[in-house]
Amino acid sequence: MNIELLIGIWLLTGSISINSQIKFFGDEPDPNGIENWLNSNSNNLIAQVEATEGLTLTISSDGKFSEERTGTPKVYWFDKEGVLESEVIPFNGHLSFYDSKVFLLVDDLPSWAVPSDEVNKKKLRYDDGDTKIADSIEVQGEQLIRTISVVTDELYLDRVIVVYKRGNH
C-alpha cells in the first residue's frame, strides 16, 4: 500500500469487537491458529460497526502516527502495553510495511515486549509471551480500516475493527 493514501488526519466513526478461542482438532490446538488470527481480518464486520467518535489518528509522511482522544470513544481497547482498558488510551508510533500490509508499531516498547523473531518485529506491536497484538490499517474507499488482532495465552482471541473517515488537513 502506498503511504500517500494513508497520510493525513483520520477521525473515528465506529468500532466493533469480537471474541473467540483457538480451534482444536481433537485435543490439540490448531497449529496455525495463532498465526492465522494475527494475519487475518474481519472486514465482513465493517457493516456492523457501532457509531462512536472522539479519537483522531494522524499519519505523517515520515511514517509516524499519533493518536489524540477528543471525546469518550466507545472502543474495546488494548493499550500500548497490551492491557485491555476500560477507556481509550492513545499512543504514538510508526508504520511498518510488511508483506503488502501496513502495521502500527509502538515507539519505545520495553525490550521484553518486543517480538523476538525478525518477521514479527515488522508486524506485531506487542509480544510479551502471553499476549500478541497485530495492529494493521488499510484504506477502503473513503475509510481507513484498522484491525487489531489479539491472542492471549495462545488460546483467547480478540479482534477490534476501528473505522475512520478522512478529516480536514
N, C-alpha and C. Protein backbone atom coordinates (compact mmCIF):
# COMPACT_ATOMS: atom_id res chain seq x y z
N MET A 1 0.84 -1.18 0.00
CA MET A 1 0.00 0.00 0.00
C MET A 1 0.88 1.24 0.00
N ASN A 2 0.47 2.22 -0.75
CA ASN A 2 1.20 3.47 -0.89
C ASN A 2 0.98 4.35 0.35
N ILE A 3 2.04 4.85 0.95
CA ILE A 3 1.90 5.69 2.14
C ILE A 3 1.10 6.95 1.84
N GLU A 4 1.13 7.41 0.58
CA GLU A 4 0.39 8.63 0.23
C GLU A 4 -1.10 8.50 0.55
N LEU A 5 -1.64 7.29 0.40
CA LEU A 5 -3.06 7.07 0.70
C LEU A 5 -3.36 7.19 2.19
N LEU A 6 -2.36 6.97 3.03
CA LEU A 6 -2.55 6.93 4.47
C LEU A 6 -2.32 8.27 5.15
N ILE A 7 -1.50 9.13 4.53
CA ILE A 7 -1.11 10.39 5.16
C ILE A 7 -2.34 11.27 5.39
N GLY A 8 -2.40 11.82 6.60
CA GLY A 8 -3.46 12.77 6.90
C GLY A 8 -4.07 12.53 8.27
N ILE A 9 -5.19 13.20 8.48
CA ILE A 9 -5.92 13.12 9.74
C ILE A 9 -7.13 12.23 9.52
N TRP A 10 -7.29 11.26 10.40
CA TRP A 10 -8.40 10.31 10.32
C TRP A 10 -9.23 10.41 11.60
N LEU A 11 -10.54 10.53 11.45
CA LEU A 11 -11.46 10.70 12.57
C LEU A 11 -12.26 9.42 12.79
N LEU A 12 -12.29 8.96 14.02
CA LEU A 12 -13.03 7.76 14.38
C LEU A 12 -14.51 7.92 14.05
N THR A 13 -15.08 6.90 13.40
CA THR A 13 -16.53 6.91 13.12
C THR A 13 -17.24 5.70 13.71
N GLY A 14 -16.51 4.61 13.98
CA GLY A 14 -17.18 3.44 14.52
C GLY A 14 -16.23 2.34 14.89
N SER A 15 -16.75 1.35 15.62
CA SER A 15 -15.94 0.23 16.06
C SER A 15 -16.83 -0.96 16.38
N ILE A 16 -16.24 -2.14 16.30
CA ILE A 16 -16.90 -3.37 16.71
C ILE A 16 -15.82 -4.33 17.16
N SER A 17 -16.16 -5.22 18.10
CA SER A 17 -15.18 -6.20 18.55
C SER A 17 -15.83 -7.57 18.65
N ILE A 18 -14.99 -8.59 18.48
CA ILE A 18 -15.45 -9.97 18.64
C ILE A 18 -14.44 -10.73 19.50
N ASN A 19 -14.91 -11.78 20.13
CA ASN A 19 -14.06 -12.63 20.95
C ASN A 19 -14.24 -14.06 20.48
N SER A 20 -13.19 -14.85 20.58
CA SER A 20 -13.26 -16.24 20.16
C SER A 20 -12.18 -17.03 20.89
N GLN A 21 -11.99 -18.26 20.47
CA GLN A 21 -10.91 -19.09 21.00
C GLN A 21 -10.28 -19.86 19.87
N ILE A 22 -9.02 -20.26 20.06
CA ILE A 22 -8.33 -21.09 19.07
C ILE A 22 -9.14 -22.37 18.89
N LYS A 23 -9.28 -22.78 17.64
CA LYS A 23 -9.96 -24.04 17.34
C LYS A 23 -9.08 -25.21 17.73
N PHE A 24 -9.71 -26.28 18.15
CA PHE A 24 -9.00 -27.50 18.50
C PHE A 24 -9.35 -28.60 17.51
N PHE A 25 -8.38 -29.44 17.19
CA PHE A 25 -8.58 -30.64 16.40
C PHE A 25 -8.32 -31.79 17.36
N GLY A 26 -9.39 -32.41 17.84
CA GLY A 26 -9.24 -33.40 18.90
C GLY A 26 -8.79 -32.67 20.15
N ASP A 27 -7.66 -33.11 20.72
CA ASP A 27 -7.12 -32.48 21.93
C ASP A 27 -6.06 -31.43 21.64
N GLU A 28 -5.73 -31.24 20.37
CA GLU A 28 -4.63 -30.35 20.01
C GLU A 28 -5.14 -29.03 19.41
N PRO A 29 -4.55 -27.89 19.84
CA PRO A 29 -4.93 -26.61 19.22
C PRO A 29 -4.45 -26.55 17.78
N ASP A 30 -5.18 -25.83 16.97
CA ASP A 30 -4.79 -25.63 15.56
C ASP A 30 -3.36 -25.09 15.54
N PRO A 31 -2.42 -25.82 14.91
CA PRO A 31 -1.02 -25.37 14.92
C PRO A 31 -0.81 -24.04 14.19
N ASN A 32 -1.72 -23.67 13.31
CA ASN A 32 -1.63 -22.39 12.59
C ASN A 32 -2.61 -21.35 13.13
N GLY A 33 -3.30 -21.68 14.18
CA GLY A 33 -4.38 -20.82 14.68
C GLY A 33 -3.93 -19.42 15.08
N ILE A 34 -2.83 -19.34 15.81
CA ILE A 34 -2.35 -18.03 16.28
C ILE A 34 -1.92 -17.18 15.09
N GLU A 35 -1.10 -17.75 14.23
CA GLU A 35 -0.60 -17.00 13.07
C GLU A 35 -1.75 -16.59 12.15
N ASN A 36 -2.69 -17.49 11.92
CA ASN A 36 -3.84 -17.18 11.06
C ASN A 36 -4.66 -16.04 11.65
N TRP A 37 -4.88 -16.05 12.96
CA TRP A 37 -5.67 -15.00 13.60
C TRP A 37 -4.96 -13.64 13.48
N LEU A 38 -3.67 -13.63 13.76
CA LEU A 38 -2.93 -12.36 13.72
C LEU A 38 -2.81 -11.81 12.30
N ASN A 39 -2.88 -12.66 11.29
CA ASN A 39 -2.71 -12.23 9.91
C ASN A 39 -4.02 -12.01 9.15
N SER A 40 -5.15 -12.33 9.77
CA SER A 40 -6.41 -12.19 9.04
C SER A 40 -7.16 -10.94 9.49
N ASN A 41 -8.30 -10.71 8.89
CA ASN A 41 -9.11 -9.55 9.26
C ASN A 41 -10.56 -10.01 9.40
N SER A 42 -11.40 -9.10 9.79
CA SER A 42 -12.84 -9.38 9.89
C SER A 42 -13.59 -8.29 9.15
N ASN A 43 -13.16 -8.03 7.91
CA ASN A 43 -13.80 -6.96 7.13
C ASN A 43 -15.29 -7.20 6.94
N ASN A 44 -15.73 -8.46 7.09
CA ASN A 44 -17.16 -8.74 6.99
C ASN A 44 -17.95 -8.06 8.11
N LEU A 45 -17.28 -7.61 9.16
CA LEU A 45 -17.95 -6.95 10.28
C LEU A 45 -18.09 -5.44 10.09
N ILE A 46 -17.45 -4.88 9.07
CA ILE A 46 -17.45 -3.42 8.90
C ILE A 46 -18.87 -2.87 8.82
N ALA A 47 -19.76 -3.60 8.16
CA ALA A 47 -21.15 -3.13 8.02
C ALA A 47 -21.88 -3.10 9.36
N GLN A 48 -21.33 -3.78 10.38
CA GLN A 48 -21.99 -3.87 11.69
C GLN A 48 -21.37 -2.96 12.75
N VAL A 49 -20.42 -2.11 12.36
CA VAL A 49 -19.76 -1.28 13.37
C VAL A 49 -20.78 -0.38 14.05
N GLU A 50 -20.53 -0.11 15.32
CA GLU A 50 -21.38 0.79 16.09
C GLU A 50 -20.74 2.17 16.06
N ALA A 51 -21.55 3.17 15.78
CA ALA A 51 -21.05 4.54 15.66
C ALA A 51 -20.45 5.01 16.98
N THR A 52 -19.29 5.64 16.89
CA THR A 52 -18.65 6.27 18.03
C THR A 52 -17.67 7.30 17.48
N GLU A 53 -17.27 8.21 18.31
CA GLU A 53 -16.30 9.23 17.88
C GLU A 53 -15.48 9.66 19.08
N GLY A 54 -14.48 10.50 18.81
CA GLY A 54 -13.67 11.02 19.89
C GLY A 54 -12.22 10.57 19.87
N LEU A 55 -11.76 10.09 18.70
CA LEU A 55 -10.37 9.70 18.57
C LEU A 55 -9.87 10.12 17.19
N THR A 56 -8.71 10.75 17.17
CA THR A 56 -8.09 11.18 15.91
C THR A 56 -6.78 10.44 15.73
N LEU A 57 -6.59 9.89 14.54
CA LEU A 57 -5.34 9.22 14.17
C LEU A 57 -4.69 10.09 13.09
N THR A 58 -3.47 10.53 13.33
CA THR A 58 -2.76 11.35 12.36
C THR A 58 -1.54 10.59 11.86
N ILE A 59 -1.44 10.46 10.53
CA ILE A 59 -0.31 9.77 9.92
C ILE A 59 0.47 10.77 9.09
N SER A 60 1.78 10.86 9.36
CA SER A 60 2.61 11.84 8.66
C SER A 60 3.44 11.17 7.57
N SER A 61 3.99 12.00 6.69
CA SER A 61 4.73 11.50 5.53
C SER A 61 6.02 10.78 5.91
N ASP A 62 6.52 11.00 7.13
CA ASP A 62 7.73 10.31 7.57
C ASP A 62 7.44 8.93 8.15
N GLY A 63 6.17 8.49 8.06
CA GLY A 63 5.81 7.16 8.52
C GLY A 63 5.49 7.06 10.00
N LYS A 64 5.32 8.20 10.65
CA LYS A 64 4.97 8.19 12.07
C LYS A 64 3.46 8.42 12.21
N PHE A 65 2.91 7.95 13.34
CA PHE A 65 1.50 8.21 13.62
C PHE A 65 1.35 8.67 15.07
N SER A 66 0.27 9.40 15.30
CA SER A 66 -0.08 9.82 16.66
C SER A 66 -1.59 9.73 16.81
N GLU A 67 -2.01 9.51 18.03
CA GLU A 67 -3.43 9.46 18.34
C GLU A 67 -3.75 10.53 19.37
N GLU A 68 -4.96 11.07 19.26
CA GLU A 68 -5.41 12.06 20.23
C GLU A 68 -6.86 11.76 20.56
N ARG A 69 -7.13 11.65 21.85
CA ARG A 69 -8.51 11.44 22.28
C ARG A 69 -9.18 12.80 22.38
N THR A 70 -10.33 12.94 21.72
CA THR A 70 -11.03 14.22 21.69
C THR A 70 -12.42 14.11 22.32
N GLY A 71 -12.73 12.95 22.86
CA GLY A 71 -14.04 12.73 23.48
C GLY A 71 -13.97 11.45 24.29
N THR A 72 -15.08 10.71 24.29
CA THR A 72 -15.16 9.45 25.02
C THR A 72 -15.53 8.34 24.05
N PRO A 73 -14.56 7.92 23.23
CA PRO A 73 -14.87 6.89 22.23
C PRO A 73 -15.18 5.54 22.88
N LYS A 74 -16.16 4.86 22.32
CA LYS A 74 -16.51 3.53 22.80
C LYS A 74 -15.81 2.51 21.90
N VAL A 75 -14.63 2.09 22.33
CA VAL A 75 -13.81 1.14 21.57
C VAL A 75 -13.24 0.14 22.56
N TYR A 76 -13.34 -1.14 22.24
CA TYR A 76 -12.69 -2.20 23.02
C TYR A 76 -11.20 -1.98 22.82
N TRP A 77 -10.46 -1.59 23.86
CA TRP A 77 -9.14 -1.00 23.66
C TRP A 77 -8.03 -1.74 24.40
N PHE A 78 -7.00 -2.13 23.65
CA PHE A 78 -5.78 -2.68 24.23
C PHE A 78 -4.73 -1.58 24.14
N ASP A 79 -4.19 -1.18 25.28
CA ASP A 79 -3.23 -0.08 25.29
C ASP A 79 -1.88 -0.52 24.71
N LYS A 80 -0.92 0.38 24.73
CA LYS A 80 0.37 0.09 24.11
C LYS A 80 1.11 -1.03 24.83
N GLU A 81 0.71 -1.33 26.07
CA GLU A 81 1.34 -2.40 26.83
C GLU A 81 0.51 -3.69 26.81
N GLY A 82 -0.47 -3.76 25.89
CA GLY A 82 -1.24 -4.98 25.71
C GLY A 82 -2.33 -5.22 26.74
N VAL A 83 -2.64 -4.21 27.54
CA VAL A 83 -3.65 -4.34 28.59
C VAL A 83 -5.02 -3.90 28.05
N LEU A 84 -6.04 -4.73 28.31
CA LEU A 84 -7.40 -4.34 27.96
C LEU A 84 -7.84 -3.26 28.93
N GLU A 85 -8.18 -2.09 28.39
CA GLU A 85 -8.54 -0.94 29.22
C GLU A 85 -10.04 -0.64 29.13
N SER A 86 -10.57 0.06 30.12
CA SER A 86 -11.98 0.43 30.10
C SER A 86 -12.22 1.70 29.27
N GLU A 87 -11.14 2.37 28.88
CA GLU A 87 -11.27 3.55 28.04
C GLU A 87 -10.09 3.59 27.06
N VAL A 88 -10.24 4.39 26.02
CA VAL A 88 -9.18 4.52 25.02
C VAL A 88 -8.02 5.31 25.60
N ILE A 89 -6.82 4.73 25.52
CA ILE A 89 -5.59 5.42 25.94
C ILE A 89 -4.71 5.52 24.70
N PRO A 90 -4.65 6.70 24.09
CA PRO A 90 -3.90 6.87 22.84
C PRO A 90 -2.41 6.59 23.01
N PHE A 91 -1.78 6.24 21.90
CA PHE A 91 -0.33 6.06 21.88
C PHE A 91 0.19 6.49 20.51
N ASN A 92 1.50 6.64 20.43
CA ASN A 92 2.16 7.07 19.20
C ASN A 92 3.09 5.97 18.72
N GLY A 93 3.50 6.07 17.46
CA GLY A 93 4.42 5.08 16.94
C GLY A 93 4.76 5.33 15.49
N HIS A 94 5.04 4.25 14.78
CA HIS A 94 5.45 4.36 13.37
C HIS A 94 4.83 3.22 12.57
N LEU A 95 4.76 3.45 11.26
CA LEU A 95 4.21 2.45 10.36
C LEU A 95 5.29 1.43 10.00
N SER A 96 4.86 0.21 9.79
CA SER A 96 5.75 -0.85 9.30
C SER A 96 5.08 -1.49 8.10
N PHE A 97 5.77 -1.47 6.97
CA PHE A 97 5.23 -2.06 5.74
C PHE A 97 5.82 -3.45 5.61
N TYR A 98 4.95 -4.47 5.61
CA TYR A 98 5.44 -5.84 5.50
C TYR A 98 4.42 -6.69 4.76
N ASP A 99 4.86 -7.40 3.75
CA ASP A 99 4.03 -8.38 3.05
C ASP A 99 2.71 -7.74 2.57
N SER A 100 2.82 -6.61 1.90
CA SER A 100 1.69 -5.84 1.33
C SER A 100 0.69 -5.35 2.37
N LYS A 101 1.06 -5.36 3.64
CA LYS A 101 0.20 -4.82 4.69
C LYS A 101 0.93 -3.69 5.39
N VAL A 102 0.16 -2.88 6.12
CA VAL A 102 0.73 -1.78 6.90
C VAL A 102 0.34 -2.00 8.35
N PHE A 103 1.34 -2.00 9.23
CA PHE A 103 1.12 -2.24 10.65
C PHE A 103 1.48 -1.00 11.46
N LEU A 104 0.74 -0.79 12.55
CA LEU A 104 1.06 0.27 13.50
C LEU A 104 1.92 -0.34 14.61
N LEU A 105 3.13 0.18 14.77
CA LEU A 105 4.04 -0.29 15.82
C LEU A 105 4.26 0.83 16.83
N VAL A 106 4.44 0.45 18.08
CA VAL A 106 4.62 1.40 19.17
C VAL A 106 6.09 1.79 19.27
N ASP A 107 6.34 3.08 19.48
CA ASP A 107 7.70 3.54 19.78
C ASP A 107 8.00 3.26 21.25
N ASP A 108 9.25 3.08 21.58
CA ASP A 108 9.71 2.95 22.97
C ASP A 108 9.04 1.80 23.72
N LEU A 109 8.88 0.66 23.07
CA LEU A 109 8.33 -0.52 23.73
C LEU A 109 9.40 -1.12 24.64
N PRO A 110 9.04 -1.57 25.85
CA PRO A 110 10.04 -2.23 26.70
C PRO A 110 10.61 -3.45 25.96
N SER A 111 11.87 -3.76 26.18
CA SER A 111 12.53 -4.84 25.43
C SER A 111 11.82 -6.18 25.61
N TRP A 112 11.23 -6.42 26.76
CA TRP A 112 10.54 -7.70 26.99
C TRP A 112 9.25 -7.83 26.21
N ALA A 113 8.76 -6.74 25.62
CA ALA A 113 7.51 -6.78 24.84
C ALA A 113 7.77 -6.72 23.34
N VAL A 114 9.05 -6.64 22.95
CA VAL A 114 9.40 -6.60 21.53
C VAL A 114 9.46 -8.04 21.02
N PRO A 115 8.77 -8.34 19.91
CA PRO A 115 8.83 -9.70 19.36
C PRO A 115 10.28 -10.13 19.13
N SER A 116 10.54 -11.43 19.33
CA SER A 116 11.90 -11.92 19.24
C SER A 116 12.34 -12.24 17.81
N ASP A 117 11.41 -12.67 16.94
CA ASP A 117 11.87 -13.00 15.59
C ASP A 117 11.70 -11.81 14.65
N GLU A 118 12.52 -11.79 13.61
CA GLU A 118 12.61 -10.62 12.72
C GLU A 118 11.30 -10.32 11.99
N VAL A 119 10.58 -11.35 11.57
CA VAL A 119 9.31 -11.12 10.86
C VAL A 119 8.30 -10.48 11.80
N ASN A 120 8.16 -11.02 13.01
CA ASN A 120 7.18 -10.47 13.94
C ASN A 120 7.54 -9.06 14.41
N LYS A 121 8.83 -8.70 14.39
CA LYS A 121 9.23 -7.33 14.73
C LYS A 121 8.62 -6.34 13.74
N LYS A 122 8.31 -6.80 12.53
CA LYS A 122 7.75 -5.93 11.50
C LYS A 122 6.23 -5.86 11.55
N LYS A 123 5.58 -6.82 12.24
CA LYS A 123 4.12 -6.83 12.18
C LYS A 123 3.39 -6.93 13.52
N LEU A 124 4.09 -7.20 14.61
CA LEU A 124 3.42 -7.24 15.91
C LEU A 124 3.77 -5.99 16.70
N ARG A 125 2.75 -5.32 17.22
CA ARG A 125 3.04 -4.13 18.01
C ARG A 125 3.37 -4.50 19.44
N TYR A 126 3.07 -5.76 19.83
CA TYR A 126 3.32 -6.18 21.21
C TYR A 126 3.43 -7.69 21.25
N ASP A 127 4.40 -8.22 22.02
CA ASP A 127 4.54 -9.65 22.22
C ASP A 127 5.35 -9.88 23.48
N ASP A 128 4.66 -10.16 24.59
CA ASP A 128 5.37 -10.40 25.85
C ASP A 128 5.40 -11.89 26.20
N GLY A 129 5.03 -12.73 25.24
CA GLY A 129 4.99 -14.16 25.50
C GLY A 129 3.58 -14.64 25.83
N ASP A 130 2.82 -13.84 26.56
CA ASP A 130 1.43 -14.20 26.88
C ASP A 130 0.44 -13.53 25.94
N THR A 131 0.75 -12.32 25.53
CA THR A 131 -0.15 -11.54 24.68
C THR A 131 0.59 -11.11 23.42
N LYS A 132 -0.05 -11.34 22.27
CA LYS A 132 0.48 -10.89 20.98
C LYS A 132 -0.57 -9.99 20.34
N ILE A 133 -0.15 -8.85 19.78
CA ILE A 133 -1.07 -7.92 19.15
C ILE A 133 -0.54 -7.52 17.78
N ALA A 134 -1.37 -7.72 16.77
CA ALA A 134 -1.10 -7.21 15.42
C ALA A 134 -2.12 -6.09 15.19
N ASP A 135 -1.65 -4.94 14.73
CA ASP A 135 -2.48 -3.75 14.56
C ASP A 135 -2.24 -3.23 13.15
N SER A 136 -3.15 -3.54 12.22
CA SER A 136 -2.92 -3.18 10.82
C SER A 136 -3.97 -2.18 10.33
N ILE A 137 -3.59 -1.44 9.29
CA ILE A 137 -4.51 -0.46 8.70
C ILE A 137 -4.54 -0.63 7.19
N GLU A 138 -5.67 -0.26 6.61
CA GLU A 138 -5.80 -0.24 5.15
C GLU A 138 -6.89 0.77 4.78
N VAL A 139 -6.72 1.35 3.61
CA VAL A 139 -7.74 2.28 3.11
C VAL A 139 -8.69 1.50 2.22
N GLN A 140 -9.98 1.68 2.50
CA GLN A 140 -11.03 1.09 1.66
C GLN A 140 -11.96 2.22 1.29
N GLY A 141 -11.92 2.63 0.04
CA GLY A 141 -12.75 3.75 -0.39
C GLY A 141 -12.37 5.00 0.37
N GLU A 142 -13.35 5.58 1.06
CA GLU A 142 -13.12 6.80 1.84
C GLU A 142 -12.79 6.51 3.30
N GLN A 143 -12.66 5.25 3.65
CA GLN A 143 -12.45 4.89 5.05
C GLN A 143 -11.07 4.29 5.28
N LEU A 144 -10.58 4.49 6.49
CA LEU A 144 -9.38 3.80 6.96
C LEU A 144 -9.89 2.72 7.92
N ILE A 145 -9.54 1.47 7.62
CA ILE A 145 -9.98 0.36 8.45
C ILE A 145 -8.77 -0.13 9.25
N ARG A 146 -8.93 -0.15 10.57
CA ARG A 146 -7.88 -0.61 11.47
C ARG A 146 -8.33 -1.93 12.08
N THR A 147 -7.49 -2.94 11.97
CA THR A 147 -7.81 -4.26 12.51
C THR A 147 -6.79 -4.58 13.60
N ILE A 148 -7.29 -4.71 14.82
CA ILE A 148 -6.43 -5.03 15.96
C ILE A 148 -6.74 -6.48 16.34
N SER A 149 -5.77 -7.36 16.13
CA SER A 149 -5.95 -8.79 16.41
C SER A 149 -5.09 -9.16 17.61
N VAL A 150 -5.72 -9.78 18.61
CA VAL A 150 -5.05 -10.07 19.87
C VAL A 150 -5.17 -11.56 20.18
N VAL A 151 -4.06 -12.16 20.59
CA VAL A 151 -4.06 -13.54 21.08
C VAL A 151 -3.51 -13.51 22.50
N THR A 152 -4.27 -14.06 23.45
CA THR A 152 -3.84 -14.11 24.85
C THR A 152 -3.71 -15.56 25.28
N ASP A 153 -2.62 -15.87 25.94
CA ASP A 153 -2.35 -17.21 26.46
C ASP A 153 -2.45 -18.30 25.39
N GLU A 154 -2.15 -17.94 24.14
CA GLU A 154 -2.18 -18.85 23.00
C GLU A 154 -3.52 -19.56 22.85
N LEU A 155 -4.60 -18.95 23.38
CA LEU A 155 -5.90 -19.59 23.35
C LEU A 155 -7.03 -18.60 23.05
N TYR A 156 -7.01 -17.45 23.72
CA TYR A 156 -8.13 -16.49 23.63
C TYR A 156 -7.86 -15.47 22.54
N LEU A 157 -8.89 -15.22 21.73
CA LEU A 157 -8.76 -14.35 20.57
C LEU A 157 -9.70 -13.15 20.70
N ASP A 158 -9.17 -11.98 20.41
CA ASP A 158 -9.98 -10.75 20.33
C ASP A 158 -9.66 -10.08 19.02
N ARG A 159 -10.67 -9.47 18.44
CA ARG A 159 -10.43 -8.65 17.25
C ARG A 159 -11.28 -7.40 17.39
N VAL A 160 -10.64 -6.26 17.14
CA VAL A 160 -11.31 -4.98 17.18
C VAL A 160 -11.18 -4.35 15.80
N ILE A 161 -12.30 -3.98 15.23
CA ILE A 161 -12.32 -3.25 13.96
C ILE A 161 -12.63 -1.80 14.30
N VAL A 162 -11.76 -0.90 13.88
CA VAL A 162 -11.94 0.53 14.13
C VAL A 162 -12.00 1.22 12.76
N VAL A 163 -13.05 2.02 12.56
CA VAL A 163 -13.25 2.66 11.26
C VAL A 163 -13.09 4.17 11.43
N TYR A 164 -12.32 4.75 10.51
CA TYR A 164 -12.07 6.19 10.50
C TYR A 164 -12.48 6.78 9.17
N LYS A 165 -12.84 8.06 9.17
CA LYS A 165 -13.04 8.80 7.92
C LYS A 165 -11.98 9.89 7.86
N ARG A 166 -11.69 10.33 6.65
CA ARG A 166 -10.67 11.37 6.49
C ARG A 166 -11.17 12.68 7.07
N GLY A 167 -10.30 13.34 7.84
CA GLY A 167 -10.63 14.63 8.42
C GLY A 167 -10.05 15.74 7.54
N ASN A 168 -10.25 16.95 7.98
CA ASN A 168 -9.68 18.09 7.25
C ASN A 168 -8.20 18.20 7.57
N HIS A 169 -7.43 18.56 6.56
CA HIS A 169 -5.97 18.65 6.74
C HIS A 169 -5.59 19.86 7.54
